[in-house]
Protein backbone atom coordinates (compact mmCIF):
# COMPACT_ATOMS: atom_id res chain seq x y z
CA MET A 1 -3.75 9.80 3.61
CA GLU A 2 -0.99 11.36 1.54
CA ILE A 3 0.73 9.19 -1.07
CA LEU A 4 4.28 10.38 -1.80
CA SER A 5 5.43 7.61 -4.10
CA SER A 6 4.26 4.30 -5.48
CA ARG A 7 5.66 1.15 -6.99
CA ILE A 8 4.51 -2.17 -8.20
CA LEU A 9 6.16 -5.12 -6.47
CA VAL A 10 6.76 -8.16 -8.65
CA ARG A 11 8.15 -11.50 -7.51
CA PRO A 12 8.88 -13.27 -10.81
CA ARG A 13 9.43 -16.99 -11.31
CA ASP A 14 12.78 -16.38 -13.05
CA TRP A 15 14.35 -13.24 -11.63
CA GLU A 16 17.19 -12.97 -14.18
CA VAL A 17 14.89 -13.40 -17.19
CA SER A 18 12.50 -10.79 -15.82
CA ARG A 19 15.34 -8.39 -14.99
CA ARG A 20 16.65 -8.61 -18.57
CA PHE A 21 13.11 -8.12 -19.94
CA TYR A 22 12.43 -4.94 -17.94
CA ALA A 23 15.95 -3.51 -18.31
CA GLU A 24 16.78 -4.44 -21.90
CA THR A 25 13.56 -5.23 -23.75
CA LEU A 26 11.43 -2.46 -22.23
CA GLY A 27 14.46 -0.24 -21.58
CA LEU A 28 13.52 0.79 -18.03
CA ALA A 29 16.23 2.67 -16.13
CA VAL A 30 17.38 1.39 -12.74
CA ALA A 31 16.45 3.63 -9.82
CA ARG A 32 18.34 1.53 -7.29
CA GLU A 33 19.53 -1.99 -6.60
CA PHE A 34 19.71 -3.83 -3.30
CA PRO A 35 20.51 -7.37 -2.20
CA GLY A 36 17.70 -9.49 -3.59
CA GLY A 37 16.11 -6.89 -5.82
CA VAL A 38 16.14 -3.99 -8.23
CA VAL A 39 13.87 -0.97 -8.55
CA PHE A 40 13.20 0.49 -12.00
CA PHE A 41 11.87 3.93 -12.82
CA LEU A 42 8.39 3.46 -14.27
CA GLY A 43 7.26 6.87 -15.50
CA THR A 44 6.20 8.67 -12.31
CA GLY A 45 6.17 5.41 -10.33
CA TYR A 46 8.46 2.47 -9.67
CA LEU A 47 8.61 -1.24 -10.45
CA GLU A 48 10.46 -3.44 -7.98
CA LEU A 49 11.59 -6.95 -8.92
CA SER A 50 12.16 -8.89 -5.72
CA ARG A 51 13.59 -12.32 -5.08
CA ALA A 52 11.59 -12.46 -1.82
CA GLY A 53 8.41 -14.46 -1.55
CA ALA A 54 9.58 -17.95 -2.53
CA VAL A 55 9.83 -20.70 0.06
CA THR A 56 11.53 -24.09 -0.08
CA THR A 57 9.47 -27.08 1.04
CA GLY A 58 10.83 -30.10 2.91
CA ASP A 59 11.30 -32.03 -0.35
CA GLY A 60 13.48 -29.25 -1.81
CA GLU A 61 10.82 -27.87 -4.14
CA THR A 62 10.45 -24.10 -4.38
CA GLN A 63 6.93 -22.75 -4.08
CA ARG A 64 5.52 -19.24 -4.01
CA SER A 65 4.38 -17.88 -0.67
CA GLY A 66 0.91 -16.54 -1.28
CA ALA A 67 -1.02 -16.74 -4.52
CA ARG A 68 -0.68 -14.07 -7.15
CA PRO A 69 -4.11 -12.62 -7.92
CA GLU A 70 -5.62 -13.54 -11.28
CA GLY A 71 -5.60 -10.76 -13.84
CA ASP A 72 -2.84 -8.59 -12.41
CA ALA A 73 -1.35 -6.14 -14.87
CA LEU A 74 0.95 -3.19 -15.26
CA TRP A 75 -0.55 -0.04 -16.78
CA LEU A 76 2.01 1.98 -18.72
CA GLN A 77 1.11 5.23 -20.42
CA VAL A 78 3.10 5.91 -23.59
CA ARG A 79 3.35 9.05 -25.73
CA SER A 80 2.60 7.21 -29.00
CA LEU A 81 1.07 3.73 -28.98
CA PRO A 82 1.95 2.97 -32.63
CA ASP A 83 5.58 3.97 -32.00
CA ALA A 84 5.77 1.88 -28.81
CA VAL A 85 4.27 -1.18 -30.50
CA ALA A 86 6.66 -0.82 -33.46
CA GLU A 87 9.70 -0.43 -31.16
CA LEU A 88 8.76 -3.48 -29.10
CA GLY A 89 8.05 -5.46 -32.27
CA GLU A 90 11.63 -4.78 -33.36
CA ARG A 91 12.71 -6.30 -30.03
CA GLY A 92 10.68 -9.45 -30.59
CA VAL A 93 7.61 -8.60 -28.51
CA THR A 94 4.29 -9.73 -30.00
CA PRO A 95 1.09 -8.17 -28.64
CA ILE A 96 -1.30 -10.53 -26.88
CA ARG A 97 -4.04 -8.03 -27.68
CA GLU A 98 -3.67 -5.73 -30.68
CA PRO A 99 -3.94 -1.94 -30.33
CA ARG A 100 -7.48 -0.58 -30.29
CA ARG A 101 -9.62 2.22 -28.93
CA GLU A 102 -11.42 0.98 -25.82
CA PRO A 103 -15.02 1.92 -24.92
CA TRP A 104 -13.61 4.22 -22.20
CA GLY A 105 -11.74 6.19 -24.88
CA LEU A 106 -8.14 5.08 -24.32
CA ASP A 107 -5.98 3.49 -27.01
CA GLU A 108 -4.56 0.26 -25.59
CA CYS A 109 -2.36 -2.65 -26.59
CA TRP A 110 -1.52 -5.59 -24.36
CA ILE A 111 1.80 -7.39 -24.18
CA ALA A 112 3.11 -9.84 -21.56
CA ASP A 113 6.24 -10.13 -19.45
CA PRO A 114 8.14 -13.44 -19.16
CA ASP A 115 5.75 -14.63 -16.41
CA GLY A 116 2.68 -13.96 -18.59
CA ARG A 117 1.73 -10.87 -16.55
CA ALA A 118 -0.27 -8.51 -18.74
CA ILE A 119 1.25 -5.11 -19.52
CA VAL A 120 -1.26 -2.62 -20.83
CA LEU A 121 0.33 0.02 -23.06
CA VAL A 122 -1.92 3.08 -23.07
CA GLU A 123 -2.06 6.25 -25.15
CA VAL A 124 -4.41 8.95 -23.91
CA PRO A 125 -5.81 10.55 -27.05
CA PRO A 126 -6.38 14.32 -27.37
CA GLY A 127 -9.68 15.41 -25.85
CA HIS A 128 -9.87 12.49 -23.40
CA PRO A 129 -11.02 13.49 -19.88
CA ILE A 130 -7.70 12.30 -18.40
CA ARG A 131 -6.05 15.19 -20.27
CA THR A 132 -8.46 17.71 -18.76
CA ASP A 133 -7.84 19.34 -15.39
CA LEU A 134 -11.28 19.31 -13.79
CA ARG A 135 -10.22 21.18 -10.64
CA GLU A 136 -11.85 24.58 -10.15
């Protein structure tokens, strides 16, 4: 199987709030827009916010179709974790988990989007195996 591209599909509770968060707070550039959604550039991948997935019940209440898995998260690699945390702090974002070196050797900080979805900000420190090309 050959993967040519990837994206994370998100169906937020409040589409407009989430769109502003990803576009303005995180500063993601728009790759394309379409009726009912927007796709942002996300490093070498994509993030799609979609209005699809909600259903209206007979009593007029809106419910989600399908349950969102517990513990879902976005993993975003940044060049400098301290710089990213400082920049987001200036925009009013408070970490839900402070920056630290994880046992697997990555520097991580967790924030959350408007729906409470975890966003893991990651800096790969020098000398980490991810920075090493192990192909022969």
